[in-house]
Protein backbone atom coordinates (compact mmCIF):
# COMPACT_ATOMS: atom_id res chain seq x y z
CA MET A 1 210.84 -56.31 -55.29
CA ALA A 2 214.26 -57.52 -56.25
CA SER A 3 215.87 -56.18 -59.40
CA LYS A 4 218.55 -57.54 -61.69
CA LYS A 5 220.76 -55.64 -64.02
CA ILE A 6 220.81 -56.85 -67.62
CA THR A 7 222.11 -55.59 -70.86
CA VAL A 8 219.87 -54.96 -73.85
CA THR A 9 220.56 -53.53 -77.28
CA ILE A 10 218.06 -51.06 -78.82
CA PRO A 11 218.31 -48.61 -81.67
CA GLU A 12 219.85 -45.26 -80.76
CA ASP A 13 216.93 -43.22 -81.86
CA LEU A 14 214.59 -45.26 -79.73
CA LEU A 15 216.87 -44.83 -76.71
CA GLU A 16 216.82 -41.09 -77.24
CA GLU A 17 213.06 -41.01 -77.23
CA VAL A 18 212.86 -43.21 -74.18
CA ARG A 19 215.31 -41.02 -72.29
CA ALA A 20 213.34 -37.98 -73.19
CA GLU A 21 210.01 -39.52 -72.24
CA ALA A 22 211.30 -41.26 -69.09
CA ALA A 23 212.86 -38.11 -67.63
CA GLU A 24 212.73 -38.22 -63.77
CA ARG A 25 211.36 -41.81 -63.61
CA GLY A 26 214.51 -43.09 -65.24
CA VAL A 27 215.00 -45.40 -68.19
CA SER A 28 214.99 -48.61 -66.07
CA ALA A 29 211.58 -47.83 -64.56
CA TYR A 30 210.22 -46.83 -67.94
CA VAL A 31 211.46 -50.03 -69.62
CA ALA A 32 210.17 -52.21 -66.74
CA ARG A 33 206.64 -50.66 -67.06
CA ALA A 34 206.73 -51.12 -70.84
CA LEU A 35 207.70 -54.77 -70.40
CA ARG A 36 204.88 -55.33 -67.89
CA LEU A 37 202.42 -53.76 -70.35
CA GLN A 38 203.71 -56.01 -73.15
CA LEU A 39 203.36 -59.06 -70.99
CA ASP A 40 199.71 -58.03 -70.24
CA ARG A 41 199.06 -57.66 -73.98
CA ASP A 42 200.59 -61.05 -74.67
CA ARG A 43 198.40 -62.69 -72.04
CA LEU A 44 195.33 -60.91 -73.38
CA ARG A 45 196.10 -62.20 -76.95
CA GLU A 46 196.46 -65.73 -75.49
CA LEU A 47 193.07 -65.34 -73.77
CA VAL A 48 191.43 -64.17 -77.03
CA THR A 49 192.93 -67.17 -78.89
CA TRP A 50 191.51 -69.56 -76.26
CA LEU A 51 188.12 -67.92 -76.32
CA GLU A 52 188.02 -68.05 -80.13
CA GLU A 53 188.95 -71.72 -80.07
CA GLU A 54 186.11 -72.30 -77.64
CA TYR A 55 183.38 -70.07 -78.99
CA GLY A 56 184.45 -69.13 -82.54
CA PRO A 57 186.00 -66.04 -84.03
CA VAL A 58 184.86 -62.51 -82.97
CA THR A 59 182.57 -61.11 -85.64
CA ALA A 60 182.45 -57.58 -86.97
CA ALA A 61 179.07 -57.14 -85.14
CA ASP A 62 180.73 -58.26 -81.86
CA ARG A 63 183.55 -55.78 -82.31
CA ALA A 64 181.09 -52.97 -83.05
CA ALA A 65 179.04 -53.83 -79.99
CA ALA A 66 182.13 -53.89 -77.83
CA ARG A 67 183.30 -50.50 -79.15
CA GLU A 68 179.89 -49.01 -78.47
CA GLU A 69 179.88 -50.32 -74.94
CA LEU A 70 183.38 -48.99 -74.37
CA ALA A 71 182.33 -45.52 -75.72
CA GLU A 72 179.41 -45.57 -73.22
CA ILE A 73 181.73 -46.51 -70.36
CA ASP A 74 184.23 -43.77 -71.36
CA ALA A 75 181.33 -41.19 -71.51
CA GLU A 76 180.14 -42.28 -68.09
CA HIS A 77 183.69 -41.90 -66.63
CA GLU A 78 184.06 -38.49 -68.21
CA ARG A 79 180.67 -37.48 -66.78
CA ARG A 80 181.69 -38.60 -63.34
CA ARG A 81 185.12 -36.88 -63.57
CA ALA A 82 183.39 -33.64 -64.57
CA ALA A 83 180.87 -33.92 -61.72
CA THR A 84 183.69 -34.67 -59.20
CA GLY A 85 185.69 -31.74 -60.52
CA ALA A 86 182.73 -29.38 -60.20
CA ARG A 87 182.11 -30.56 -56.61
CA ALA A 88 185.76 -30.07 -55.71
CA ALA A 89 185.79 -26.53 -57.16
CA ALA A 90 182.48 -25.53 -55.55
CA PRO A 91 182.48 -24.00 -52.08
CA PRO A 92 181.10 -26.40 -49.34
CA GLN A 93 177.33 -26.16 -48.73
CA GLY A 94 175.42 -26.68 -45.55
CA LYS A 95 176.21 -25.72 -41.98
CA PRO A 96 179.64 -24.34 -41.21
CA ALA A 97 181.83 -26.53 -39.20
CA GLN A 98 181.88 -25.81 -35.44
CA LYS A 99 185.14 -24.48 -34.06
CA GLY A 100 186.67 -26.75 -31.47
CA GLY A 101 185.65 -29.94 -33.15
CA PRO A 102 183.44 -32.64 -31.83
CA GLY A 103 182.29 -32.25 -28.19
CA LYS A 104 182.65 -28.52 -28.15
CA GLY A 105 181.03 -27.19 -24.98
CA ARG A 106 181.43 -30.37 -23.07
CA ARG A 107 183.47 -30.40 -19.93
CA THR A 108 185.62 -33.22 -18.77
CA ALA A 109 185.66 -34.49 -15.28
CA GLY A 110 188.85 -32.51 -14.43
CA GLU A 111 187.67 -29.15 -15.81
CA ALA A 112 186.18 -26.44 -13.65
CA ALA A 113 182.68 -25.23 -14.41
């Protein structure tokens, strides 16, 4: 992707924090990612506005239901991560792999018997 150099002005204390956080990635990559995230948030806000115009404002009950569903999804992701981590740490079960790979013991046409 093509890049273009620009000049921006930000508070010194913010720049110090960004430099410390960006470390090896570099300030440019850090700022580019932050700008992409902000654009995503802006688009999401625009979508919410459109949906509220169409269907009415989000109620407290809607928010509570959404938070509950997100908590359930987070719990499921955590359960799956834990299960995957446990499988990765456990020794393999079942038959040991054969040495020599697939076709061990077979002879090709050019091999002597």
